[in-house]
């Protein structure tokens, strides 16, 4: 399991890893574990500089890495107690990731197949952590065995390789320097400038406008033309000397709109290496559907140039399409991983949304409201409410969930709208309360109306109750 606790989820579709089950450590190693976790107790998790995610099969290298970091004054959170005690540390692992400044993913053949390690990396990604992949095997050996999420999340981060024993000390030392620089950068960026208000780096987003409003979810990624680690990334060779995207003009010059099928064919041809090496057939269809929604393809299955340029705009800057393709894929896939019902970090992610929710996270949650999995749609509705997304666009999208075929999604939509006190939703909530054939949905709608309050909601509730009582009285006679 990631961070040492190593059972795979019983609901997971991932392969079962026997080595990933909690195991007792021999007496000789217990003292070492105890010394390595002085500040870690089941009752309290102190925020550290770094959180290490690993499989317990790699605990020897984890201890070596941990010692090196601590010897250099970098504090470390790592789940060692989870290996030696019957304490459920899953929630504390998620909290440790969110509270840590940096995240280390110790990558081996075991860890990349661990559901826990996959979920921990995904949570670190959406919480905007600088990620330091540490490979116990080469990227060329591990990459083909990774799931789509890991491939996407690690594609643009530099790896530290611990393969050759004669180079381990040097490679760890180089990584420590990069970590110190990153910690200093984070410290400097969090300190308010004298005489200026302390604002986040991300500007406020106009809730009614999509144009030029997109933002990258994880801002710590380094954009590179080629990866030193050998990880595959989008090839922008044809566009690398251009500050603005020229993909459309290269393939659809003088056209204001193109058939969606034609656009997809060109994308598949131009970015075939990235797509075929990252996605299986099912995921290729999934990313095509995501792009279809994100680019607002019309009823006639036409993609307009205007909507294409909107998609490529991030913080007012036009980004090459290949980079936007990769950004969209990793953000959509990662959010789905974290908020999926089978996720081991879902609860912690929802509880801590206020710490890392920004326009990119809210937009990704809105996208999940259209996911094919009803469980994901239900969780997305609740999570969106936790972000406080009470703008008109978000409320309208949540109101659509009241028409969902799945009753859990309808219930979640009611709960979310009630939490946000969405007055615009009152008529639809009243309609649901009066007409839905599932009693739990009707109860959720009534509870939402009670939360929203106000004259309109109270009047609608009162009238409906009076009518119900009168009908009941008439049936008795």
Protein backbone atom coordinates (compact mmCIF):
# COMPACT_ATOMS: atom_id res chain seq x y z
CA UNK A 1 0.00 0.00 0.00
CA UNK A 2 1.07 3.57 -0.44
CA UNK A 3 2.97 4.97 2.50
CA UNK A 4 3.42 1.52 3.88
CA UNK A 5 -0.11 0.43 4.71
CA UNK A 6 -0.54 -2.11 2.00
CA UNK A 7 -3.92 -3.68 1.43
CA UNK A 8 -5.67 -3.31 -1.87
CA UNK A 9 -9.29 -2.14 -1.92
CA UNK A 10 -11.80 -4.98 -2.09
CA UNK A 11 -13.84 -2.94 -4.56
CA UNK A 12 -10.88 -2.03 -6.73
CA UNK A 13 -10.55 -3.40 -10.22
CA UNK A 14 -6.77 -3.22 -9.90
CA UNK A 15 -4.79 -6.47 -9.62
CA UNK A 16 -4.50 -7.86 -6.12
CA UNK A 17 -0.99 -7.53 -4.75
CA UNK A 18 -0.27 -10.01 -1.99
CA UNK A 19 2.78 -8.05 -0.94
CA UNK A 20 0.49 -5.07 -0.40
CA UNK A 21 -1.14 -6.47 2.73
CA UNK A 22 -0.20 -5.20 6.19
CA UNK A 23 2.51 -7.35 7.65
CA UNK A 24 4.25 -7.46 10.99
CA UNK A 25 7.88 -6.39 10.99
CA UNK A 26 10.50 -8.60 12.65
CA UNK A 27 11.54 -7.52 16.17
CA UNK A 28 14.93 -6.36 14.87
CA UNK A 29 13.24 -3.78 12.68
CA UNK A 30 10.63 -2.56 15.17
CA UNK A 31 13.08 -0.31 17.02
CA UNK A 32 14.17 1.22 13.73
CA UNK A 33 10.55 1.92 12.81
CA UNK A 34 9.94 3.42 16.25
CA UNK A 35 12.97 5.70 16.00
CA UNK A 36 11.94 6.75 12.49
CA UNK A 37 8.49 7.85 13.64
CA UNK A 38 9.03 9.63 16.93
CA UNK A 39 6.60 12.39 16.08
CA UNK A 40 3.92 10.20 14.51
CA UNK A 41 1.10 9.04 16.72
CA UNK A 42 -2.36 7.77 15.87
CA UNK A 43 -3.86 10.79 17.65
CA UNK A 44 -1.82 13.51 16.01
CA UNK A 45 -0.28 14.12 12.61
CA UNK A 46 2.11 17.04 12.55
CA UNK A 47 2.52 18.79 9.20
CA UNK A 48 5.92 18.07 7.65
CA UNK A 49 8.01 19.38 4.77
CA UNK A 50 7.64 16.13 2.83
CA UNK A 51 5.30 13.14 2.71
CA UNK A 52 6.70 9.90 1.26
CA UNK A 53 4.34 7.48 -0.49
CA UNK A 54 5.72 3.95 -0.86
CA UNK A 55 4.97 0.23 -0.85
CA UNK A 56 6.06 -1.59 2.32
CA UNK A 57 8.12 -3.94 0.13
CA UNK A 58 10.42 -0.94 -0.45
CA UNK A 59 10.67 0.04 3.23
CA UNK A 60 14.46 -0.40 3.29
CA UNK A 61 14.97 2.25 0.62
CA UNK A 62 12.28 4.41 2.23
CA UNK A 63 14.22 4.44 5.51
CA UNK A 64 17.44 5.37 3.67
CA UNK A 65 15.67 8.20 1.85
CA UNK A 66 13.99 9.40 5.04
CA UNK A 67 17.30 9.45 6.95
CA UNK A 68 19.01 11.39 4.17
CA UNK A 69 16.29 14.03 4.11
CA UNK A 70 16.17 14.41 7.91
CA UNK A 71 19.98 14.62 8.08
CA UNK A 72 19.65 17.61 5.77
CA UNK A 73 17.10 19.35 7.97
CA UNK A 74 14.00 18.35 5.96
CA UNK A 75 11.15 16.99 8.09
CA UNK A 76 9.38 13.87 6.81
CA UNK A 77 5.97 12.25 7.33
CA UNK A 78 5.86 8.57 6.49
CA UNK A 79 3.47 5.83 7.55
CA UNK A 80 5.63 3.32 9.37
CA UNK A 81 3.25 2.71 12.25
CA UNK A 82 0.69 1.38 9.79
CA UNK A 83 3.00 -1.58 9.22
CA UNK A 84 3.43 -2.51 12.86
CA UNK A 85 0.13 -1.71 14.50
CA UNK A 86 -3.53 -2.38 13.86
CA UNK A 87 -4.27 1.32 13.51
CA UNK A 88 -6.31 2.54 10.55
CA UNK A 89 -4.01 5.19 9.16
CA UNK A 90 -5.76 5.80 5.86
CA UNK A 91 -7.36 9.10 6.88
CA UNK A 92 -4.10 10.34 8.42
CA UNK A 93 -2.22 9.50 5.23
CA UNK A 94 -4.60 11.65 3.20
CA UNK A 95 -4.32 14.49 5.72
CA UNK A 96 -0.52 14.22 5.73
CA UNK A 97 -0.44 14.61 1.93
CA UNK A 98 -2.60 17.72 2.04
CA UNK A 99 -0.64 19.30 4.90
CA UNK A 100 2.86 18.50 3.56
CA UNK A 101 4.70 21.03 1.41
CA UNK A 102 6.23 18.49 -0.99
CA UNK A 103 5.35 14.94 -2.05
CA UNK A 104 7.71 12.05 -2.82
CA UNK A 105 6.48 9.03 -4.76
CA UNK A 106 8.83 6.04 -4.30
CA UNK A 107 8.26 4.14 -7.53
CA UNK A 108 8.78 0.42 -7.93
CA UNK A 109 6.99 -2.46 -9.67
CA UNK A 110 4.98 -2.98 -6.47
CA UNK A 111 4.07 0.63 -5.72
CA UNK A 112 2.83 1.45 -9.23
CA UNK A 113 0.28 -1.39 -8.95
CA UNK A 114 -0.88 -0.33 -5.49
CA UNK A 115 -4.31 1.31 -5.43
CA UNK A 116 -3.20 3.29 -2.37
CA UNK A 117 -0.05 4.66 -4.04
CA UNK A 118 -2.07 5.61 -7.12
CA UNK A 119 -4.66 7.46 -5.01
CA UNK A 120 -2.01 9.21 -2.91
CA UNK A 121 -0.25 10.52 -6.02
CA UNK A 122 -3.58 11.71 -7.43
CA UNK A 123 -4.42 13.57 -4.20
CA UNK A 124 -0.97 15.19 -4.15
CA UNK A 125 -1.51 16.31 -7.74
CA UNK A 126 -4.88 17.99 -7.24
CA UNK A 127 -3.70 19.63 -4.00
CA UNK A 128 -0.99 21.33 -6.08
CA UNK A 129 2.02 19.70 -4.42
CA UNK A 130 5.46 19.80 -6.04
CA UNK A 131 5.99 16.10 -6.80
CA UNK A 132 9.37 14.35 -6.66
CA UNK A 133 9.26 10.90 -8.31
CA UNK A 134 12.02 8.59 -7.02
CA UNK A 135 12.54 5.55 -9.22
CA UNK A 136 13.83 2.21 -7.95
CA UNK A 137 13.54 1.04 -11.55
CA UNK A 138 14.02 3.07 -14.71
CA UNK A 139 11.05 4.96 -16.19
CA UNK A 140 11.36 2.81 -19.30
CA UNK A 141 10.75 -0.29 -17.15
CA UNK A 142 7.93 1.16 -15.04
CA UNK A 143 6.01 3.38 -17.45
CA UNK A 144 4.43 0.59 -19.56
CA UNK A 145 3.11 -1.06 -16.36
CA UNK A 146 1.54 2.11 -14.91
CA UNK A 147 -2.16 2.88 -15.06
CA UNK A 148 -3.28 5.88 -17.11
CA UNK A 149 -3.46 8.15 -14.06
CA UNK A 150 0.15 7.65 -13.01
CA UNK A 151 1.38 8.03 -16.58
CA UNK A 152 -0.35 11.38 -16.88
CA UNK A 153 0.50 12.69 -13.41
CA UNK A 154 4.22 11.90 -13.64
CA UNK A 155 4.76 12.79 -17.30
CA UNK A 156 6.36 16.20 -16.73
CA UNK A 157 8.20 15.78 -13.44
CA UNK A 158 11.92 15.04 -13.24
CA UNK A 159 12.78 11.68 -11.70
CA UNK A 160 15.55 10.90 -9.23
CA UNK A 161 16.85 7.42 -10.05
CA UNK A 162 18.24 5.14 -7.33
CA UNK A 163 19.43 2.30 -9.56
CA UNK A 164 23.23 2.29 -9.34
CA UNK A 165 24.50 1.93 -5.75
CA UNK A 166 27.58 4.02 -6.62
CA UNK A 167 25.33 6.94 -7.66
CA UNK A 168 22.60 6.77 -5.01
CA UNK A 169 24.31 9.19 -2.62
CA UNK A 170 24.98 11.74 -5.37
CA UNK A 171 21.47 11.48 -6.85
CA UNK A 172 19.88 11.86 -3.42
CA UNK A 173 22.11 14.87 -2.77
CA UNK A 174 21.02 16.52 -6.03
CA UNK A 175 17.39 15.90 -5.11
CA UNK A 176 17.89 17.44 -1.66
CA UNK A 177 19.19 20.62 -3.30
CA UNK A 178 16.11 20.80 -5.54
CA UNK A 179 13.83 20.17 -2.55
CA UNK A 180 15.47 22.92 -0.51
CA UNK A 181 15.08 25.33 -3.41
CA UNK A 182 11.41 24.39 -3.75
CA UNK A 183 10.79 24.77 -0.01
CA UNK A 184 12.41 28.21 -0.12
CA UNK A 185 10.30 29.17 -3.14
CA UNK A 186 7.13 28.07 -1.34
CA UNK A 187 8.13 30.04 1.76
CA UNK A 188 8.84 33.18 -0.27
CA UNK A 189 5.61 32.93 -2.26
CA UNK A 190 3.53 32.57 0.92
CA UNK A 191 4.97 35.68 2.56
CA UNK A 192 2.88 38.83 1.85
CA UNK A 193 4.74 41.75 0.29
CA UNK A 194 4.91 44.73 2.63
CA UNK A 195 2.28 47.33 1.79
CA UNK A 196 0.27 44.94 -0.41
CA UNK A 197 -2.69 42.75 0.50
CA UNK A 198 -2.00 39.02 0.83
CA UNK A 199 -3.71 37.52 -2.20
CA UNK A 200 -3.45 34.13 -3.85
CA UNK A 201 -1.56 33.92 -7.11
CA UNK A 202 -4.72 33.00 -8.96
CA UNK A 203 -7.05 35.82 -9.88
CA UNK A 204 -10.77 35.81 -9.34
CA UNK A 205 -12.71 34.08 -12.06
CA UNK A 206 -15.75 35.53 -13.74
CA UNK A 207 -18.35 32.82 -13.03
CA UNK A 208 -20.32 33.60 -16.16
CA UNK A 209 -17.41 33.63 -18.61
CA UNK A 210 -15.33 30.70 -19.87
CA UNK A 211 -13.24 32.72 -22.29
CA UNK A 212 -9.68 33.17 -21.00
CA UNK A 213 -10.69 31.83 -17.58
CA UNK A 214 -9.14 28.37 -17.56
CA UNK A 215 -6.32 27.64 -15.15
CA UNK A 216 -3.92 24.74 -14.80
CA UNK A 217 -4.70 22.59 -11.74
CA UNK A 218 -1.13 21.74 -10.70
CA UNK A 219 1.04 24.83 -11.21
CA UNK A 220 4.24 23.09 -10.06
CA UNK A 221 4.82 21.19 -13.30
CA UNK A 222 7.86 22.00 -15.39
CA UNK A 223 7.14 22.17 -19.11
CA UNK A 224 9.87 20.39 -21.06
CA UNK A 225 10.40 19.49 -24.70
CA UNK A 226 11.96 16.15 -23.77
CA UNK A 227 11.97 14.37 -20.45
CA UNK A 228 15.30 13.45 -18.88
CA UNK A 229 13.50 10.57 -17.21
CA UNK A 230 12.33 9.10 -20.49
CA UNK A 231 8.66 9.61 -19.65
CA UNK A 232 6.50 10.26 -22.67
CA UNK A 233 5.00 13.70 -23.08
CA UNK A 234 3.22 15.61 -25.81
CA UNK A 235 5.53 16.37 -28.71
CA UNK A 236 5.18 20.02 -29.77
CA UNK A 237 8.12 19.98 -32.19
CA UNK A 238 6.09 21.64 -34.93
CA UNK A 239 4.95 24.41 -32.63
CA UNK A 240 7.78 24.92 -30.14
CA UNK A 241 9.02 28.25 -31.55
CA UNK A 242 5.57 29.82 -31.38
CA UNK A 243 4.28 31.57 -28.30
CA UNK A 244 0.71 31.09 -29.47
CA UNK A 245 -1.05 27.99 -30.69
CA UNK A 246 -1.00 27.45 -34.47
CA UNK A 247 -2.52 23.96 -34.58
CA UNK A 248 -5.81 25.19 -36.07
CA UNK A 249 -4.18 27.26 -38.81
CA UNK A 250 -1.88 24.41 -39.75
CA UNK A 251 -4.74 21.96 -40.30
CA UNK A 252 -7.94 24.00 -40.78
CA UNK A 253 -6.74 27.26 -42.30
CA UNK A 254 -9.49 29.74 -43.25
CA UNK A 255 -12.18 27.52 -41.70
CA UNK A 256 -14.39 28.85 -38.93
CA UNK A 257 -15.68 25.39 -37.97
CA UNK A 258 -14.88 21.73 -38.67
CA UNK A 259 -16.65 18.41 -38.25
CA UNK A 260 -15.80 16.89 -34.88
CA UNK A 261 -14.86 13.51 -36.43
CA UNK A 262 -12.37 15.25 -38.71
CA UNK A 263 -10.85 17.18 -35.81
CA UNK A 264 -10.42 13.96 -33.80
CA UNK A 265 -8.75 12.22 -36.76
CA UNK A 266 -6.17 15.02 -37.02
CA UNK A 267 -5.52 14.99 -33.25
CA UNK A 268 -5.04 11.21 -33.26
CA UNK A 269 -2.57 11.51 -36.12
CA UNK A 270 -0.60 14.48 -34.80
CA UNK A 271 -0.35 13.21 -31.22
CA UNK A 272 -0.41 9.48 -31.87
CA UNK A 273 2.69 8.76 -29.78
CA UNK A 274 1.35 10.47 -26.67
CA UNK A 275 -2.18 9.08 -27.04
CA UNK A 276 -1.34 5.45 -27.86
CA UNK A 277 1.37 5.20 -25.21
CA UNK A 278 -0.75 6.82 -22.50
CA UNK A 279 -4.31 5.61 -23.10
CA UNK A 280 -5.84 2.22 -23.75
CA UNK A 281 -8.73 2.01 -26.25
CA UNK A 282 -11.37 2.68 -23.59
CA UNK A 283 -9.52 5.71 -22.22
CA UNK A 284 -8.97 7.06 -25.74
CA UNK A 285 -12.74 7.13 -26.17
CA UNK A 286 -13.06 8.74 -22.73
CA UNK A 287 -10.62 11.59 -23.49
CA UNK A 288 -12.39 12.18 -26.82
CA UNK A 289 -15.69 12.59 -24.94
CA UNK A 290 -14.05 14.93 -22.41
CA UNK A 291 -12.70 17.15 -25.20
CA UNK A 292 -16.10 17.06 -26.92
CA UNK A 293 -17.71 18.49 -23.77
CA UNK A 294 -14.92 20.94 -22.98
CA UNK A 295 -14.97 22.41 -26.48
CA UNK A 296 -18.77 22.76 -26.44
CA UNK A 297 -19.25 20.91 -29.73
CA UNK A 298 -22.66 21.86 -31.17
CA UNK A 299 -25.67 19.70 -32.02
CA UNK A 300 -24.51 19.40 -35.62
CA UNK A 301 -21.22 17.95 -34.33
CA UNK A 302 -19.30 21.00 -35.48
CA UNK A 303 -16.35 22.46 -33.54
CA UNK A 304 -16.07 26.22 -33.98
CA UNK A 305 -12.73 27.98 -34.06
CA UNK A 306 -14.00 30.29 -31.33
CA UNK A 307 -14.66 27.38 -28.95
CA UNK A 308 -11.33 25.82 -29.87
CA UNK A 309 -9.47 29.04 -28.99
CA UNK A 310 -11.46 29.28 -25.75
CA UNK A 311 -10.25 25.78 -24.83
CA UNK A 312 -6.63 26.75 -25.53
CA UNK A 313 -6.81 29.91 -23.41
CA UNK A 314 -5.34 29.69 -19.89
CA UNK A 315 -5.24 32.81 -17.71
CA UNK A 316 -5.68 34.93 -20.82
CA UNK A 317 -2.77 33.31 -22.67
CA UNK A 318 -3.13 31.08 -25.73
CA UNK A 319 -1.43 27.74 -25.03
CA UNK A 320 -0.38 25.22 -27.73
CA UNK A 321 -3.13 22.67 -28.20
CA UNK A 322 -0.91 19.69 -27.40
CA UNK A 323 -0.14 21.09 -23.97
CA UNK A 324 -3.81 21.81 -23.34
CA UNK A 325 -4.65 18.26 -24.41
CA UNK A 326 -2.23 16.88 -21.84
CA UNK A 327 -3.38 19.29 -19.12
CA UNK A 328 -7.04 18.44 -19.70
CA UNK A 329 -6.35 14.71 -19.71
CA UNK A 330 -4.40 14.71 -16.46
CA UNK A 331 -6.84 17.02 -14.66
CA UNK A 332 -9.98 15.15 -15.69
CA UNK A 333 -8.51 11.72 -15.03
CA UNK A 334 -6.98 12.70 -11.68
CA UNK A 335 -10.15 14.30 -10.36
CA UNK A 336 -12.08 11.19 -11.35
CA UNK A 337 -9.53 9.03 -9.50
CA UNK A 338 -9.64 11.08 -6.31
CA UNK A 339 -13.42 11.47 -6.10
CA UNK A 340 -14.35 7.97 -7.27
CA UNK A 341 -16.28 5.89 -4.71
CA UNK A 342 -13.41 3.38 -4.66
CA UNK A 343 -10.82 6.05 -3.87
CA UNK A 344 -8.93 5.60 -0.59
CA UNK A 345 -8.44 9.38 -0.24
CA UNK A 346 -11.88 10.62 -1.30
CA UNK A 347 -13.12 11.57 2.18
CA UNK A 348 -9.95 13.52 3.01
CA UNK A 349 -10.11 15.28 -0.35
CA UNK A 350 -13.71 16.40 0.23
CA UNK A 351 -13.02 17.48 3.81
CA UNK A 352 -10.03 19.57 2.73
CA UNK A 353 -11.40 21.09 -0.47
CA UNK A 354 -11.22 24.57 1.04
CA UNK A 355 -7.42 24.28 1.22
CA UNK A 356 -6.86 23.74 -2.47
CA UNK A 357 -10.12 24.55 -4.19
CA UNK A 358 -9.63 27.07 -6.95
CA UNK A 359 -11.15 27.72 -10.36
CA UNK A 360 -9.43 24.65 -11.85
CA UNK A 361 -10.74 22.31 -9.13
CA UNK A 362 -14.27 23.72 -9.35
CA UNK A 363 -14.25 23.42 -13.14
CA UNK A 364 -13.07 19.82 -12.87
CA UNK A 365 -15.84 19.01 -10.37
CA UNK A 366 -18.39 20.53 -12.75
CA UNK A 367 -17.05 18.24 -15.46
CA UNK A 368 -17.48 15.24 -13.14
CA UNK A 369 -21.21 16.04 -12.90
CA UNK A 370 -21.37 14.65 -16.46
CA UNK A 371 -19.34 11.51 -15.74
CA UNK A 372 -20.75 8.18 -16.92
CA UNK A 373 -20.48 6.71 -13.41
CA UNK A 374 -23.46 7.83 -11.25
CA UNK A 375 -21.38 7.40 -8.08
CA UNK A 376 -18.85 9.91 -9.42
CA UNK A 377 -21.66 12.33 -10.34
CA UNK A 378 -23.10 12.06 -6.81
CA UNK A 379 -19.75 12.68 -5.11
CA UNK A 380 -19.03 15.59 -7.47
CA UNK A 381 -22.27 17.31 -6.48
CA UNK A 382 -21.49 17.06 -2.76
CA UNK A 383 -17.87 18.11 -3.30
CA UNK A 384 -18.91 21.11 -5.37
CA UNK A 385 -21.11 22.29 -2.50
CA UNK A 386 -18.12 21.95 -0.15
CA UNK A 387 -16.18 24.40 -2.31
CA UNK A 388 -18.91 27.00 -1.82
CA UNK A 389 -19.51 27.23 -5.57
CA UNK A 390 -22.62 29.40 -5.45
CA UNK A 391 -22.10 31.21 -8.77
CA UNK A 392 -24.86 31.07 -11.37
CA UNK A 393 -23.03 28.61 -13.66
CA UNK A 394 -22.43 26.09 -10.83
CA UNK A 395 -26.01 26.34 -9.51
CA UNK A 396 -27.41 25.74 -13.00
CA UNK A 397 -25.24 22.65 -13.43
CA UNK A 398 -26.28 21.32 -10.02
CA UNK A 399 -29.94 21.90 -10.86
CA UNK A 400 -29.51 19.62 -13.88
CA UNK A 401 -28.53 16.82 -11.50
CA UNK A 402 -32.09 16.94 -10.11
CA UNK A 403 -33.17 15.40 -13.43
CA UNK A 404 -30.60 12.59 -13.28
CA UNK A 405 -31.89 9.03 -13.80
CA UNK A 406 -29.95 7.85 -10.74
CA UNK A 407 -31.67 8.52 -7.42
CA UNK A 408 -28.38 9.00 -5.48
CA UNK A 409 -27.38 11.75 -7.90
CA UNK A 410 -30.75 13.45 -7.43
CA UNK A 411 -30.38 13.20 -3.64
CA UNK A 412 -26.85 14.60 -3.80
CA UNK A 413 -28.03 17.45 -5.99
CA UNK A 414 -30.70 18.32 -3.42
CA UNK A 415 -28.19 18.21 -0.57
CA UNK A 416 -25.71 20.38 -2.49
CA UNK A 417 -28.28 23.01 -3.46
CA UNK A 418 -29.59 23.13 0.11
CA UNK A 419 -26.06 23.58 1.47
CA UNK A 420 -25.47 26.44 -0.99
CA UNK A 421 -28.89 27.97 -0.14
CA UNK A 422 -29.62 28.22 -3.86
CA UNK A 423 -32.88 30.21 -4.08
CA UNK A 424 -33.01 29.80 -7.87
CA UNK A 425 -33.42 26.06 -7.33
CA UNK A 426 -36.58 26.34 -5.20
CA UNK A 427 -39.13 25.68 -8.01
CA UNK A 428 -37.27 22.57 -9.19
CA UNK A 429 -36.79 21.30 -5.63
CA UNK A 430 -40.53 21.76 -4.96
CA UNK A 431 -41.32 19.84 -8.14
CA UNK A 432 -38.97 17.03 -7.08
CA UNK A 433 -40.41 16.97 -3.57
CA UNK A 434 -43.93 16.65 -4.89
CA UNK A 435 -43.35 14.26 -7.79
CA UNK A 436 -40.28 12.06 -7.36
CA UNK A 437 -41.24 8.40 -6.97
CA UNK A 438 -38.34 7.67 -4.55
CA UNK A 439 -39.11 8.64 -0.95
CA UNK A 440 -35.46 9.38 -0.03
CA UNK A 441 -35.21 11.85 -2.92
CA UNK A 442 -38.40 13.59 -1.77
CA UNK A 443 -36.98 13.79 1.77
CA UNK A 444 -33.70 15.27 0.45
CA UNK A 445 -35.64 17.86 -1.56
CA UNK A 446 -37.71 18.80 1.50
CA UNK A 447 -34.56 19.12 3.63
CA UNK A 448 -32.98 21.34 0.96
CA UNK A 449 -36.02 23.61 0.87
CA UNK A 450 -35.88 23.89 4.65
CA UNK A 451 -32.18 24.85 4.48
CA UNK A 452 -32.76 27.44 1.77
CA UNK A 453 -35.70 29.01 3.59
CA UNK A 454 -37.13 32.32 2.50
CA UNK A 455 -40.67 33.30 1.57
CA UNK A 456 -40.85 31.37 -1.71
CA UNK A 457 -39.58 28.10 -0.26
CA UNK A 458 -41.68 28.35 2.90
CA UNK A 459 -44.81 29.20 0.91
CA UNK A 460 -44.29 26.26 -1.46
CA UNK A 461 -43.73 23.85 1.42
CA UNK A 462 -46.78 25.13 3.29
CA UNK A 463 -49.08 24.89 0.26
CA UNK A 464 -47.92 21.36 -0.57
CA UNK A 465 -48.44 20.19 3.00
CA UNK A 466 -51.91 21.72 3.17
CA UNK A 467 -52.90 20.04 -0.10
CA UNK A 468 -51.54 16.71 1.09
CA UNK A 469 -53.50 16.97 4.34
CA UNK A 470 -56.71 17.88 2.49
CA UNK A 471 -56.30 14.95 0.09
CA UNK A 472 -55.71 12.63 3.04
CA UNK A 473 -58.86 13.90 4.76
CA UNK A 474 -60.95 13.41 1.61
CA UNK A 475 -59.80 9.81 1.22
CA UNK A 476 -61.03 9.02 4.73
CA UNK A 477 -64.65 9.93 3.90
